[in-house]
Every structure is written in structure tokens, then in C-alpha cells.
Amino acid sequence: MKIGEIAKKTNLTESTLRYYEKKGLIRVERDKNGIRNYKENDIEWIKFIRRLKETGMLIKDIRYYSDLRYKGETTMPERLKILQAHRNYVLEQQIKWTDYLQNLDYKIEFYRKEIDNIK
């Protein structure tokens, strides 16, 4: 499938897909005319890259993970370690954001009470 089709199926722009390719996150076969030819299994891989990125994994780390993935099954133990470490990072961020949210809720409640006292 061509880049426009994969863009629709992954909800990413064509320029983002080109960027992913340029950064080495995805490897796309090309036909004899140099046109990208995405495979069906590229869809889930691209969506996974997006999730990693959205959860804070750095591009260089995604690239390393991607390189391992393309090397095959023998790299699965190392990929597992990467994902476990990233999971810990996400949990730490979740705890931090929960604390921030609680602080905001406290401030909002403070202001509500103060405003009610002024009336």
C-alpha cells in the first residue's frame, strides 16, 4: 500500500511517516520506481511507534528498539528489557502527574472557597 493509504490507516501524516523512515524507525520496501510499498503488518508497528513516542520514549531509543526488531527474534530478550524499563518510566510519570493533578485540585478548591467567602 502507498504512503497515503498507510497515513489514513495509522492516523499520521505522510510527512510524519517520512520522518519515521528518515530516522530509521521504519523500513519500507520500494518498488522499481522508488515508490514506497507498505505492508499490512507495518500498520501495527507504526501505531506502536506512535504509542512509544507519546509515552515519552526518545526517538534514539525507539530507533534502537526498531533496529533490534528488524534483526529478528534473537533480540526479543533485549527488547523486553527496553519495554520493561520504559514501563517503569511511564509509571513514574503517572505518579508525578497524579501528584500535579492533586495539587491543582487543591488550588482549585482553595480558590472556590476564597471566592465564596468574598460573596
PDB file of N, CA and C in Angstrom:
ATOM      1  N   MET A   1       0.845  -1.170   0.000  1.00  0.00           N
ATOM      2  CA  MET A   1       0.000   0.000   0.000  1.00  0.00           C
ATOM      3  C   MET A   1       0.891   1.233   0.000  1.00  0.00           C
ATOM      4  N   LYS A   2       0.385   2.291  -0.562  1.00  0.00           N
ATOM      5  CA  LYS A   2       1.158   3.521  -0.703  1.00  0.00           C
ATOM      6  C   LYS A   2       1.075   4.361   0.562  1.00  0.00           C
ATOM      7  N   ILE A   3       1.904   5.378   0.603  1.00  0.00           N
ATOM      8  CA  ILE A   3       2.032   6.191   1.811  1.00  0.00           C
ATOM      9  C   ILE A   3       0.722   6.862   2.215  1.00  0.00           C
ATOM     10  N   GLY A   4      -0.079   7.295   1.247  1.00  0.00           N
ATOM     11  CA  GLY A   4      -1.355   7.921   1.564  1.00  0.00           C
ATOM     12  C   GLY A   4      -2.309   6.961   2.264  1.00  0.00           C
ATOM     13  N   GLU A   5      -2.310   5.720   1.825  1.00  0.00           N
ATOM     14  CA  GLU A   5      -3.179   4.713   2.437  1.00  0.00           C
ATOM     15  C   GLU A   5      -2.740   4.412   3.865  1.00  0.00           C
ATOM     16  N   ILE A   6      -1.429   4.244   4.054  1.00  0.00           N
ATOM     17  CA  ILE A   6      -0.928   3.922   5.396  1.00  0.00           C
ATOM     18  C   ILE A   6      -1.133   5.106   6.334  1.00  0.00           C
ATOM     19  N   ALA A   7      -1.044   6.325   5.794  1.00  0.00           N
ATOM     20  CA  ALA A   7      -1.281   7.520   6.607  1.00  0.00           C
ATOM     21  C   ALA A   7      -2.706   7.509   7.146  1.00  0.00           C
ATOM     22  N   LYS A   8      -3.674   7.177   6.302  1.00  0.00           N
ATOM     23  CA  LYS A   8      -5.070   7.115   6.741  1.00  0.00           C
ATOM     24  C   LYS A   8      -5.279   6.019   7.779  1.00  0.00           C
ATOM     25  N   LYS A   9      -4.664   4.877   7.563  1.00  0.00           N
ATOM     26  CA  LYS A   9      -4.873   3.742   8.466  1.00  0.00           C
ATOM     27  C   LYS A   9      -4.186   3.931   9.821  1.00  0.00           C
ATOM     28  N   THR A  10      -3.161   4.760   9.879  1.00  0.00           N
ATOM     29  CA  THR A  10      -2.443   4.978  11.131  1.00  0.00           C
ATOM     30  C   THR A  10      -2.747   6.329  11.768  1.00  0.00           C
ATOM     31  N   ASN A  11      -3.545   7.137  11.078  1.00  0.00           N
ATOM     32  CA  ASN A  11      -3.871   8.497  11.540  1.00  0.00           C
ATOM     33  C   ASN A  11      -2.622   9.355  11.741  1.00  0.00           C
ATOM     34  N   LEU A  12      -1.655   9.174  10.869  1.00  0.00           N
ATOM     35  CA  LEU A  12      -0.449  10.000  10.856  1.00  0.00           C
ATOM     36  C   LEU A  12      -0.353  10.684   9.508  1.00  0.00           C
ATOM     37  N   THR A  13       0.368  11.769   9.473  1.00  0.00           N
ATOM     38  CA  THR A  13       0.554  12.454   8.197  1.00  0.00           C
ATOM     39  C   THR A  13       1.636  11.745   7.382  1.00  0.00           C
ATOM     40  N   GLU A  14       1.611  11.991   6.103  1.00  0.00           N
ATOM     41  CA  GLU A  14       2.641  11.430   5.232  1.00  0.00           C
ATOM     42  C   GLU A  14       4.013  11.952   5.637  1.00  0.00           C
ATOM     43  N   SER A  15       4.088  13.210   6.033  1.00  0.00           N
ATOM     44  CA  SER A  15       5.385  13.763   6.441  1.00  0.00           C
ATOM     45  C   SER A  15       5.899  13.088   7.714  1.00  0.00           C
ATOM     46  N   THR A  16       5.001  12.726   8.620  1.00  0.00           N
ATOM     47  CA  THR A  16       5.418  12.004   9.820  1.00  0.00           C
ATOM     48  C   THR A  16       5.967  10.633   9.449  1.00  0.00           C
ATOM     49  N   LEU A  17       5.304   9.956   8.533  1.00  0.00           N
ATOM     50  CA  LEU A  17       5.779   8.645   8.093  1.00  0.00           C
ATOM     51  C   LEU A  17       7.152   8.758   7.429  1.00  0.00           C
ATOM     52  N   ARG A  18       7.341   9.797   6.635  1.00  0.00           N
ATOM     53  CA  ARG A  18       8.653  10.011   6.010  1.00  0.00           C
ATOM     54  C   ARG A  18       9.712  10.292   7.073  1.00  0.00           C
ATOM     55  N   TYR A  19       9.324  11.056   8.083  1.00  0.00           N
ATOM     56  CA  TYR A  19      10.232  11.355   9.195  1.00  0.00           C
ATOM     57  C   TYR A  19      10.620  10.070   9.926  1.00  0.00           C
ATOM     58  N   TYR A  20       9.640   9.222  10.217  1.00  0.00           N
ATOM     59  CA  TYR A  20       9.921   7.945  10.869  1.00  0.00           C
ATOM     60  C   TYR A  20      10.909   7.122  10.039  1.00  0.00           C
ATOM     61  N   GLU A  21      10.709   7.132   8.751  1.00  0.00           N
ATOM     62  CA  GLU A  21      11.605   6.389   7.863  1.00  0.00           C
ATOM     63  C   GLU A  21      13.005   7.011   7.872  1.00  0.00           C
ATOM     64  N   LYS A  22      13.059   8.320   7.790  1.00  0.00           N
ATOM     65  CA  LYS A  22      14.348   9.024   7.784  1.00  0.00           C
ATOM     66  C   LYS A  22      15.127   8.763   9.074  1.00  0.00           C
ATOM     67  N   LYS A  23      14.417   8.692  10.193  1.00  0.00           N
ATOM     68  CA  LYS A  23      15.049   8.458  11.489  1.00  0.00           C
ATOM     69  C   LYS A  23      15.361   6.988  11.735  1.00  0.00           C
ATOM     70  N   GLY A  24      14.966   6.122  10.813  1.00  0.00           N
ATOM     71  CA  GLY A  24      15.274   4.707  10.952  1.00  0.00           C
ATOM     72  C   GLY A  24      14.308   3.929  11.824  1.00  0.00           C
ATOM     73  N   LEU A  25      13.140   4.487  12.065  1.00  0.00           N
ATOM     74  CA  LEU A  25      12.156   3.805  12.903  1.00  0.00           C
ATOM     75  C   LEU A  25      11.382   2.758  12.120  1.00  0.00           C
ATOM     76  N   ILE A  26      11.184   3.024  10.837  1.00  0.00           N
ATOM     77  CA  ILE A  26      10.511   2.061   9.965  1.00  0.00           C
ATOM     78  C   ILE A  26      11.351   1.866   8.712  1.00  0.00           C
ATOM     79  N   ARG A  27      11.256   0.683   8.188  1.00  0.00           N
ATOM     80  CA  ARG A  27      11.934   0.352   6.941  1.00  0.00           C
ATOM     81  C   ARG A  27      10.865  -0.062   5.938  1.00  0.00           C
ATOM     82  N   VAL A  28      10.847   0.656   4.854  1.00  0.00           N
ATOM     83  CA  VAL A  28       9.782   0.460   3.876  1.00  0.00           C
ATOM     84  C   VAL A  28      10.386   0.000   2.558  1.00  0.00           C
ATOM     85  N   GLU A  29       9.809  -1.071   2.017  1.00  0.00           N
ATOM     86  CA  GLU A  29      10.242  -1.538   0.700  1.00  0.00           C
ATOM     87  C   GLU A  29       9.785  -0.532  -0.348  1.00  0.00           C
ATOM     88  N   ARG A  30      10.523  -0.484  -1.426  1.00  0.00           N
ATOM     89  CA  ARG A  30      10.155   0.395  -2.536  1.00  0.00           C
ATOM     90  C   ARG A  30      10.078  -0.438  -3.807  1.00  0.00           C
ATOM     91  N   ASP A  31       9.212   0.001  -4.705  1.00  0.00           N
ATOM     92  CA  ASP A  31       9.117  -0.704  -5.982  1.00  0.00           C
ATOM     93  C   ASP A  31      10.222  -0.223  -6.918  1.00  0.00           C
ATOM     94  N   LYS A  32      10.211  -0.705  -8.146  1.00  0.00           N
ATOM     95  CA  LYS A  32      11.274  -0.378  -9.102  1.00  0.00           C
ATOM     96  C   LYS A  32      11.339   1.110  -9.427  1.00  0.00           C
ATOM     97  N   ASN A  33      10.229   1.826  -9.179  1.00  0.00           N
ATOM     98  CA  ASN A  33      10.187   3.269  -9.424  1.00  0.00           C
ATOM     99  C   ASN A  33      10.501   4.091  -8.170  1.00  0.00           C
ATOM    100  N   GLY A  34      10.834   3.403  -7.095  1.00  0.00           N
ATOM    101  CA  GLY A  34      11.156   4.099  -5.850  1.00  0.00           C
ATOM    102  C   GLY A  34       9.959   4.476  -5.003  1.00  0.00           C
ATOM    103  N   ILE A  35       8.785   3.985  -5.375  1.00  0.00           N
ATOM    104  CA  ILE A  35       7.558   4.280  -4.621  1.00  0.00           C
ATOM    105  C   ILE A  35       7.504   3.364  -3.394  1.00  0.00           C
ATOM    106  N   ARG A  36       7.209   3.975  -2.242  1.00  0.00           N
ATOM    107  CA  ARG A  36       7.103   3.192  -1.011  1.00  0.00           C
ATOM    108  C   ARG A  36       5.960   2.183  -1.125  1.00  0.00           C
ATOM    109  N   ASN A  37       6.218   0.981  -0.601  1.00  0.00           N
ATOM    110  CA  ASN A  37       5.216  -0.073  -0.631  1.00  0.00           C
ATOM    111  C   ASN A  37       5.094  -0.665   0.774  1.00  0.00           C
ATOM    112  N   TYR A  38       4.154  -0.123   1.538  1.00  0.00           N
ATOM    113  CA  TYR A  38       3.942  -0.578   2.907  1.00  0.00           C
ATOM    114  C   TYR A  38       3.194  -1.903   2.917  1.00  0.00           C
ATOM    115  N   LYS A  39       3.491  -2.697   3.911  1.00  0.00           N
ATOM    116  CA  LYS A  39       2.815  -3.980   4.112  1.00  0.00           C
ATOM    117  C   LYS A  39       1.758  -3.828   5.208  1.00  0.00           C
ATOM    118  N   GLU A  40       0.836  -4.750   5.232  1.00  0.00           N
ATOM    119  CA  GLU A  40      -0.236  -4.720   6.231  1.00  0.00           C
ATOM    120  C   GLU A  40       0.326  -4.733   7.655  1.00  0.00           C
ATOM    121  N   ASN A  41       1.389  -5.517   7.899  1.00  0.00           N
ATOM    122  CA  ASN A  41       1.936  -5.595   9.258  1.00  0.00           C
ATOM    123  C   ASN A  41       2.683  -4.323   9.668  1.00  0.00           C
ATOM    124  N   ASP A  42       2.928  -3.417   8.737  1.00  0.00           N
ATOM    125  CA  ASP A  42       3.539  -2.131   9.081  1.00  0.00           C
ATOM    126  C   ASP A  42       2.577  -1.263   9.896  1.00  0.00           C
ATOM    127  N   ILE A  43       1.284  -1.480   9.722  1.00  0.00           N
ATOM    128  CA  ILE A  43       0.285  -0.650  10.398  1.00  0.00           C
ATOM    129  C   ILE A  43       0.443  -0.730  11.915  1.00  0.00           C
ATOM    130  N   GLU A  44       0.438  -1.935  12.454  1.00  0.00           N
ATOM    131  CA  GLU A  44       0.550  -2.094  13.914  1.00  0.00           C
ATOM    132  C   GLU A  44       1.902  -1.618  14.427  1.00  0.00           C
ATOM    133  N   TRP A  45       2.949  -1.863  13.649  1.00  0.00           N
ATOM    134  CA  TRP A  45       4.276  -1.409  14.049  1.00  0.00           C
ATOM    135  C   TRP A  45       4.308   0.124  14.133  1.00  0.00           C
ATOM    136  N   ILE A  46       3.752   0.796  13.158  1.00  0.00           N
ATOM    137  CA  ILE A  46       3.721   2.260  13.153  1.00  0.00           C
ATOM    138  C   ILE A  46       2.886   2.782  14.317  1.00  0.00           C
ATOM    139  N   LYS A  47       1.762   2.139  14.594  1.00  0.00           N
ATOM    140  CA  LYS A  47       0.937   2.548  15.730  1.00  0.00           C
ATOM    141  C   LYS A  47       1.692   2.363  17.045  1.00  0.00           C
ATOM    142  N   PHE A  48       2.482   1.290  17.132  1.00  0.00           N
ATOM    143  CA  PHE A  48       3.262   1.043  18.347  1.00  0.00           C
ATOM    144  C   PHE A  48       4.345   2.114  18.512  1.00  0.00           C
ATOM    145  N   ILE A  49       4.998   2.478  17.425  1.00  0.00           N
ATOM    146  CA  ILE A  49       6.000   3.551  17.469  1.00  0.00           C
ATOM    147  C   ILE A  49       5.354   4.823  18.019  1.00  0.00           C
ATOM    148  N   ARG A  50       4.184   5.115  17.518  1.00  0.00           N
ATOM    149  CA  ARG A  50       3.472   6.310  17.968  1.00  0.00           C
ATOM    150  C   ARG A  50       3.186   6.249  19.468  1.00  0.00           C
ATOM    151  N   ARG A  51       2.755   5.090  19.954  1.00  0.00           N
ATOM    152  CA  ARG A  51       2.483   4.950  21.390  1.00  0.00           C
ATOM    153  C   ARG A  51       3.755   5.131  22.209  1.00  0.00           C
ATOM    154  N   LEU A  52       4.860   4.558  21.734  1.00  0.00           N
ATOM    155  CA  LEU A  52       6.122   4.740  22.443  1.00  0.00           C
ATOM    156  C   LEU A  52       6.484   6.218  22.515  1.00  0.00           C
ATOM    157  N   LYS A  53       6.349   6.879  21.392  1.00  0.00           N
ATOM    158  CA  LYS A  53       6.677   8.306  21.316  1.00  0.00           C
ATOM    159  C   LYS A  53       5.760   9.116  22.230  1.00  0.00           C
ATOM    160  N   GLU A  54       4.469   8.827  22.203  1.00  0.00           N
ATOM    161  CA  GLU A  54       3.504   9.568  23.013  1.00  0.00           C
ATOM    162  C   GLU A  54       3.683   9.317  24.509  1.00  0.00           C
ATOM    163  N   THR A  55       4.292   8.205  24.864  1.00  0.00           N
ATOM    164  CA  THR A  55       4.535   7.923  26.281  1.00  0.00           C
ATOM    165  C   THR A  55       5.930   8.377  26.716  1.00  0.00           C
ATOM    166  N   GLY A  56       6.603   9.112  25.844  1.00  0.00           N
ATOM    167  CA  GLY A  56       7.843   9.753  26.256  1.00  0.00           C
ATOM    168  C   GLY A  56       9.138   9.070  25.879  1.00  0.00           C
ATOM    169  N   MET A  57       9.067   7.986  25.120  1.00  0.00           N
ATOM    170  CA  MET A  57      10.317   7.350  24.713  1.00  0.00           C
ATOM    171  C   MET A  57      11.012   8.240  23.681  1.00  0.00           C
ATOM    172  N   LEU A  58      12.302   8.407  23.845  1.00  0.00           N
ATOM    173  CA  LEU A  58      13.078   9.241  22.940  1.00  0.00           C
ATOM    174  C   LEU A  58      13.238   8.557  21.581  1.00  0.00           C
ATOM    175  N   ILE A  59      13.330   9.381  20.537  1.00  0.00           N
ATOM    176  CA  ILE A  59      13.488   8.853  19.175  1.00  0.00           C
ATOM    177  C   ILE A  59      14.706   7.939  19.085  1.00  0.00           C
ATOM    178  N   LYS A  60      15.807   8.316  19.716  1.00  0.00           N
ATOM    179  CA  LYS A  60      17.014   7.480  19.643  1.00  0.00           C
ATOM    180  C   LYS A  60      16.769   6.106  20.268  1.00  0.00           C
ATOM    181  N   ASP A  61      15.966   6.063  21.317  1.00  0.00           N
ATOM    182  CA  ASP A  61      15.651   4.785  21.956  1.00  0.00           C
ATOM    183  C   ASP A  61      14.672   3.961  21.116  1.00  0.00           C
ATOM    184  N   ILE A  62      13.728   4.647  20.477  1.00  0.00           N
ATOM    185  CA  ILE A  62      12.817   3.944  19.574  1.00  0.00           C
ATOM    186  C   ILE A  62      13.605   3.387  18.397  1.00  0.00           C
ATOM    187  N   ARG A  63      14.563   4.149  17.904  1.00  0.00           N
ATOM    188  CA  ARG A  63      15.392   3.687  16.784  1.00  0.00           C
ATOM    189  C   ARG A  63      16.176   2.426  17.188  1.00  0.00           C
ATOM    190  N   TYR A  64      16.723   2.439  18.384  1.00  0.00           N
ATOM    191  CA  TYR A  64      17.469   1.272  18.860  1.00  0.00           C
ATOM    192  C   TYR A  64      16.542   0.060  18.963  1.00  0.00           C
ATOM    193  N   TYR A  65      15.370   0.276  19.546  1.00  0.00           N
ATOM    194  CA  TYR A  65      14.380  -0.798  19.651  1.00  0.00           C
ATOM    195  C   TYR A  65      14.010  -1.304  18.257  1.00  0.00           C
ATOM    196  N   SER A  66      13.799  -0.380  17.340  1.00  0.00           N
ATOM    197  CA  SER A  66      13.437  -0.723  15.968  1.00  0.00           C
ATOM    198  C   SER A  66      14.533  -1.549  15.292  1.00  0.00           C
ATOM    199  N   ASP A  67      15.776  -1.121  15.463  1.00  0.00           N
ATOM    200  CA  ASP A  67      16.902  -1.882  14.894  1.00  0.00           C
ATOM    201  C   ASP A  67      16.898  -3.312  15.406  1.00  0.00           C
ATOM    202  N   LEU A  68      16.653  -3.454  16.698  1.00  0.00           N
ATOM    203  CA  LEU A  68      16.596  -4.799  17.279  1.00  0.00           C
ATOM    204  C   LEU A  68      15.442  -5.596  16.678  1.00  0.00           C
ATOM    205  N   ARG A  69      14.313  -4.950  16.544  1.00  0.00           N
ATOM    206  CA  ARG A  69      13.129  -5.625  15.979  1.00  0.00           C
ATOM    207  C   ARG A  69      13.417  -6.148  14.592  1.00  0.00           C
ATOM    208  N   TYR A  70      14.056  -5.332  13.773  1.00  0.00           N
ATOM    209  CA  TYR A  70      14.344  -5.745  12.407  1.00  0.00           C
ATOM    210  C   TYR A  70      15.415  -6.839  12.338  1.00  0.00           C
ATOM    211  N   LYS A  71      16.173  -7.000  13.406  1.00  0.00           N
ATOM    212  CA  LYS A  71      17.182  -8.071  13.440  1.00  0.00           C
ATOM    213  C   LYS A  71      16.544  -9.431  13.715  1.00  0.00           C
ATOM    214  N   GLY A  72      15.353  -9.438  14.288  1.00  0.00           N
ATOM    215  CA  GLY A  72      14.635 -10.694  14.450  1.00  0.00           C
ATOM    216  C   GLY A  72      14.450 -11.156  15.880  1.00  0.00           C
ATOM    217  N   GLU A  73      13.978 -12.386  15.991  1.00  0.00           N
ATOM    218  CA  GLU A  73      13.576 -12.968  17.272  1.00  0.00           C
ATOM    219  C   GLU A  73      14.700 -13.064  18.292  1.00  0.00           C
ATOM    220  N   THR A  74      15.910 -13.189  17.850  1.00  0.00           N
ATOM    221  CA  THR A  74      17.019 -13.340  18.802  1.00  0.00           C
ATOM    222  C   THR A  74      17.191 -12.112  19.689  1.00  0.00           C
ATOM    223  N   THR A  75      16.619 -11.002  19.286  1.00  0.00           N
ATOM    224  CA  THR A  75      16.741  -9.768  20.068  1.00  0.00           C
ATOM    225  C   THR A  75      15.577  -9.572  21.036  1.00  0.00           C
ATOM    226  N   MET A  76      14.676 -10.536  21.095  1.00  0.00           N
ATOM    227  CA  MET A  76      13.494 -10.374  21.950  1.00  0.00           C
ATOM    228  C   MET A  76      13.840 -10.133  23.420  1.00  0.00           C
ATOM    229  N   PRO A  77      14.810 -10.830  24.008  1.00  0.00           N
ATOM    230  CA  PRO A  77      15.134 -10.539  25.418  1.00  0.00           C
ATOM    231  C   PRO A  77      15.565  -9.088  25.645  1.00  0.00           C
ATOM    232  N   GLU A  78      16.348  -8.553  24.746  1.00  0.00           N
ATOM    233  CA  GLU A  78      16.789  -7.166  24.894  1.00  0.00           C
ATOM    234  C   GLU A  78      15.622  -6.197  24.690  1.00  0.00           C
ATOM    235  N   ARG A  79      14.748  -6.497  23.742  1.00  0.00           N
ATOM    236  CA  ARG A  79      13.579  -5.650  23.533  1.00  0.00           C
ATOM    237  C   ARG A  79      12.667  -5.678  24.750  1.00  0.00           C
ATOM    238  N   LEU A  80      12.544  -6.845  25.369  1.00  0.00           N
ATOM    239  CA  LEU A  80      11.741  -6.964  26.584  1.00  0.00           C
ATOM    240  C   LEU A  80      12.306  -6.057  27.677  1.00  0.00           C
ATOM    241  N   LYS A  81      13.607  -6.046  27.849  1.00  0.00           N
ATOM    242  CA  LYS A  81      14.232  -5.180  28.856  1.00  0.00           C
ATOM    243  C   LYS A  81      13.947  -3.711  28.571  1.00  0.00           C
ATOM    244  N   ILE A  82      14.014  -3.336  27.318  1.00  0.00           N
ATOM    245  CA  ILE A  82      13.733  -1.944  26.936  1.00  0.00           C
ATOM    246  C   ILE A  82      12.298  -1.583  27.296  1.00  0.00           C
ATOM    247  N   LEU A  83      11.365  -2.458  26.969  1.00  0.00           N
ATOM    248  CA  LEU A  83       9.956  -2.177  27.254  1.00  0.00           C
ATOM    249  C   LEU A  83       9.679  -2.163  28.754  1.00  0.00           C
ATOM    250  N   GLN A  84      10.330  -3.044  29.497  1.00  0.00           N
ATOM    251  CA  GLN A  84      10.158  -3.043  30.948  1.00  0.00           C
ATOM    252  C   GLN A  84      10.680  -1.746  31.563  1.00  0.00           C
ATOM    253  N   ALA A  85      11.835  -1.283  31.074  1.00  0.00           N
ATOM    254  CA  ALA A  85      12.393  -0.028  31.570  1.00  0.00           C
ATOM    255  C   ALA A  85      11.474   1.143  31.209  1.00  0.00           C
ATOM    256  N   HIS A  86      10.935   1.104  30.001  1.00  0.00           N
ATOM    257  CA  HIS A  86      10.031   2.182  29.585  1.00  0.00           C
ATOM    258  C   HIS A  86       8.737   2.143  30.397  1.00  0.00           C
ATOM    259  N   ARG A  87       8.266   0.966  30.699  1.00  0.00           N
ATOM    260  CA  ARG A  87       7.070   0.834  31.532  1.00  0.00           C
ATOM    261  C   ARG A  87       7.311   1.489  32.885  1.00  0.00           C
ATOM    262  N   ASN A  88       8.484   1.252  33.480  1.00  0.00           N
ATOM    263  CA  ASN A  88       8.818   1.879  34.761  1.00  0.00           C
ATOM    264  C   ASN A  88       8.830   3.400  34.636  1.00  0.00           C
ATOM    265  N   TYR A  89       9.375   3.896  33.536  1.00  0.00           N
ATOM    266  CA  TYR A  89       9.383   5.335  33.283  1.00  0.00           C
ATOM    267  C   TYR A  89       7.953   5.879  33.209  1.00  0.00           C
ATOM    268  N   VAL A  90       7.092   5.175  32.480  1.00  0.00           N
ATOM    269  CA  VAL A  90       5.703   5.618  32.340  1.00  0.00           C
ATOM    270  C   VAL A  90       5.012   5.631  33.701  1.00  0.00           C
ATOM    271  N   LEU A  91       5.266   4.615  34.517  1.00  0.00           N
ATOM    272  CA  LEU A  91       4.667   4.581  35.853  1.00  0.00           C
ATOM    273  C   LEU A  91       5.161   5.748  36.703  1.00  0.00           C
ATOM    274  N   GLU A  92       6.451   6.066  36.611  1.00  0.00           N
ATOM    275  CA  GLU A  92       6.992   7.212  37.347  1.00  0.00           C
ATOM    276  C   GLU A  92       6.321   8.506  36.898  1.00  0.00           C
ATOM    277  N   GLN A  93       6.125   8.642  35.594  1.00  0.00           N
ATOM    278  CA  GLN A  93       5.460   9.831  35.072  1.00  0.00           C
ATOM    279  C   GLN A  93       4.013   9.893  35.548  1.00  0.00           C
ATOM    280  N   GLN A  94       3.370   8.738  35.583  1.00  0.00           N
ATOM    281  CA  GLN A  94       1.982   8.677  36.032  1.00  0.00           C
ATOM    282  C   GLN A  94       1.883   9.142  37.494  1.00  0.00           C
ATOM    283  N   ILE A  95       2.798   8.704  38.316  1.00  0.00           N
ATOM    284  CA  ILE A  95       2.813   9.113  39.728  1.00  0.00           C
ATOM    285  C   ILE A  95       3.040  10.620  39.826  1.00  0.00           C
ATOM    286  N   LYS A  96       3.977  11.128  39.051  1.00  0.00           N
ATOM    287  CA  LYS A  96       4.271  12.563  39.055  1.00  0.00           C
ATOM    288  C   LYS A  96       3.039  13.363  38.637  1.00  0.00           C
ATOM    289  N   TRP A  97       2.378  12.941  37.548  1.00  0.00           N
ATOM    290  CA  TRP A  97       1.208  13.673  37.054  1.00  0.00           C
ATOM    291  C   TRP A  97       0.027  13.567  38.016  1.00  0.00           C
ATOM    292  N   THR A  98      -0.087  12.445  38.717  1.00  0.00           N
ATOM    293  CA  THR A  98      -1.130  12.312  39.737  1.00  0.00           C
ATOM    294  C   THR A  98      -0.903  13.324  40.848  1.00  0.00           C
ATOM    295  N   ASP A  99       0.349  13.497  41.248  1.00  0.00           N
ATOM    296  CA  ASP A  99       0.694  14.482  42.266  1.00  0.00           C
ATOM    297  C   ASP A  99       0.380  15.893  41.776  1.00  0.00           C
ATOM    298  N   TYR A 100       0.740  16.193  40.526  1.00  0.00           N
ATOM    299  CA  TYR A 100       0.436  17.506  39.955  1.00  0.00           C
ATOM    300  C   TYR A 100      -1.074  17.756  39.933  1.00  0.00           C
ATOM    301  N   LEU A 101      -1.823  16.737  39.556  1.00  0.00           N
ATOM    302  CA  LEU A 101      -3.273  16.868  39.489  1.00  0.00           C
ATOM    303  C   LEU A 101      -3.862  17.125  40.873  1.00  0.00           C
ATOM    304  N   GLN A 102      -3.364  16.423  41.868  1.00  0.00           N
ATOM    305  CA  GLN A 102      -3.845  16.637  43.229  1.00  0.00           C
ATOM    306  C   GLN A 102      -3.556  18.061  43.688  1.00  0.00           C
ATOM    307  N   ASN A 103      -2.374  18.561  43.328  1.00  0.00           N
ATOM    308  CA  ASN A 103      -2.019  19.928  43.685  1.00  0.00           C
ATOM    309  C   ASN A 103      -2.952  20.929  43.008  1.00  0.00           C
ATOM    310  N   LEU A 104      -3.246  20.695  41.740  1.00  0.00           N
ATOM    311  CA  LEU A 104      -4.183  21.574  41.030  1.00  0.00           C
ATOM    312  C   LEU A 104      -5.568  21.528  41.666  1.00  0.00           C
ATOM    313  N   ASP A 105      -6.027  20.332  42.000  1.00  0.00           N
ATOM    314  CA  ASP A 105      -7.338  20.197  42.641  1.00  0.00           C
ATOM    315  C   ASP A 105      -7.372  20.964  43.960  1.00  0.00           C
ATOM    316  N   TYR A 106      -6.285  20.884  44.717  1.00  0.00           N
ATOM    317  CA  TYR A 106      -6.203  21.610  45.981  1.00  0.00           C
ATOM    318  C   TYR A 106      -6.324  23.115  45.739  1.00  0.00           C
ATOM    319  N   LYS A 107      -5.587  23.619  44.758  1.00  0.00           N
ATOM    320  CA  LYS A 107      -5.618  25.053  44.456  1.00  0.00           C
ATOM    321  C   LYS A 107      -6.994  25.492  43.964  1.00  0.00           C
ATOM    322  N   ILE A 108      -7.604  24.674  43.124  1.00  0.00           N
ATOM    323  CA  ILE A 108      -8.948  24.999  42.634  1.00  0.00           C
ATOM    324  C   ILE A 108      -9.923  25.089  43.798  1.00  0.00           C
ATOM    325  N   GLU A 109      -9.867  24.131  44.696  1.00  0.00           N
ATOM    326  CA  GLU A 109     -10.757  24.136  45.858  1.00  0.00           C
ATOM    327  C   GLU A 109     -10.476  25.346  46.748  1.00  0.00           C
ATOM    328  N   PHE A 110      -9.214  25.686  46.926  1.00  0.00           N
ATOM    329  CA  PHE A 110      -8.829  26.870  47.701  1.00  0.00           C
ATOM    330  C   PHE A 110      -9.481  28.119  47.117  1.00  0.00           C
ATOM    331  N   TYR A 111      -9.339  28.294  45.790  1.00  0.00           N
ATOM    332  CA  TYR A 111      -9.915  29.475  45.148  1.00  0.00           C
ATOM    333  C   TYR A 111     -11.434  29.485  45.235  1.00  0.00           C
ATOM    334  N   ARG A 112     -12.068  28.359  45.102  1.00  0.00           N
ATOM    335  CA  ARG A 112     -13.530  28.299  45.206  1.00  0.00           C
ATOM    336  C   ARG A 112     -13.981  28.774  46.586  1.00  0.00           C
ATOM    337  N   LYS A 113     -13.299  28.279  47.618  1.00  0.00           N
ATOM    338  CA  LYS A 113     -13.653  28.673  48.972  1.00  0.00           C
ATOM    339  C   LYS A 113     -13.419  30.171  49.208  1.00  0.00           C
ATOM    340  N   GLU A 114     -12.286  30.652  48.711  1.00  0.00           N
ATOM    341  CA  GLU A 114     -11.975  32.072  48.869  1.00  0.00           C
ATOM    342  C   GLU A 114     -12.995  32.946  48.159  1.00  0.00           C
ATOM    343  N   ILE A 115     -13.366  32.558  46.971  1.00  0.00           N
ATOM    344  CA  ILE A 115     -14.363  33.317  46.203  1.00  0.00           C
ATOM    345  C   ILE A 115     -15.719  33.291  46.909  1.00  0.00           C
ATOM    346  N   ASP A 116     -16.099  32.127  47.432  1.00  0.00           N
ATOM    347  CA  ASP A 116     -17.353  32.023  48.192  1.00  0.00           C
ATOM    348  C   ASP A 116     -17.331  32.927  49.426  1.00  0.00           C
ATOM    349  N   ASN A 117     -16.187  33.056  50.077  1.00  0.00           N
ATOM    350  CA  ASN A 117     -16.055  33.913  51.262  1.00  0.00           C
ATOM    351  C   ASN A 117     -16.167  35.384  50.921  1.00  0.00           C
ATOM    352  N   ILE A 118     -15.792  35.750  49.704  1.00  0.00           N
ATOM    353  CA  ILE A 118     -15.848  37.146  49.271  1.00  0.00           C
ATOM    354  C   ILE A 118     -17.296  37.561  49.024  1.00  0.00           C
ATOM    355  N   LYS A 119     -18.101  36.659  48.550  1.00  0.00           N
ATOM    356  CA  LYS A 119     -19.505  36.972  48.215  1.00  0.00           C
ATOM    357  C   LYS A 119     -20.302  37.254  49.408  1.00  0.00           C
TER     358      LYS A 119
END
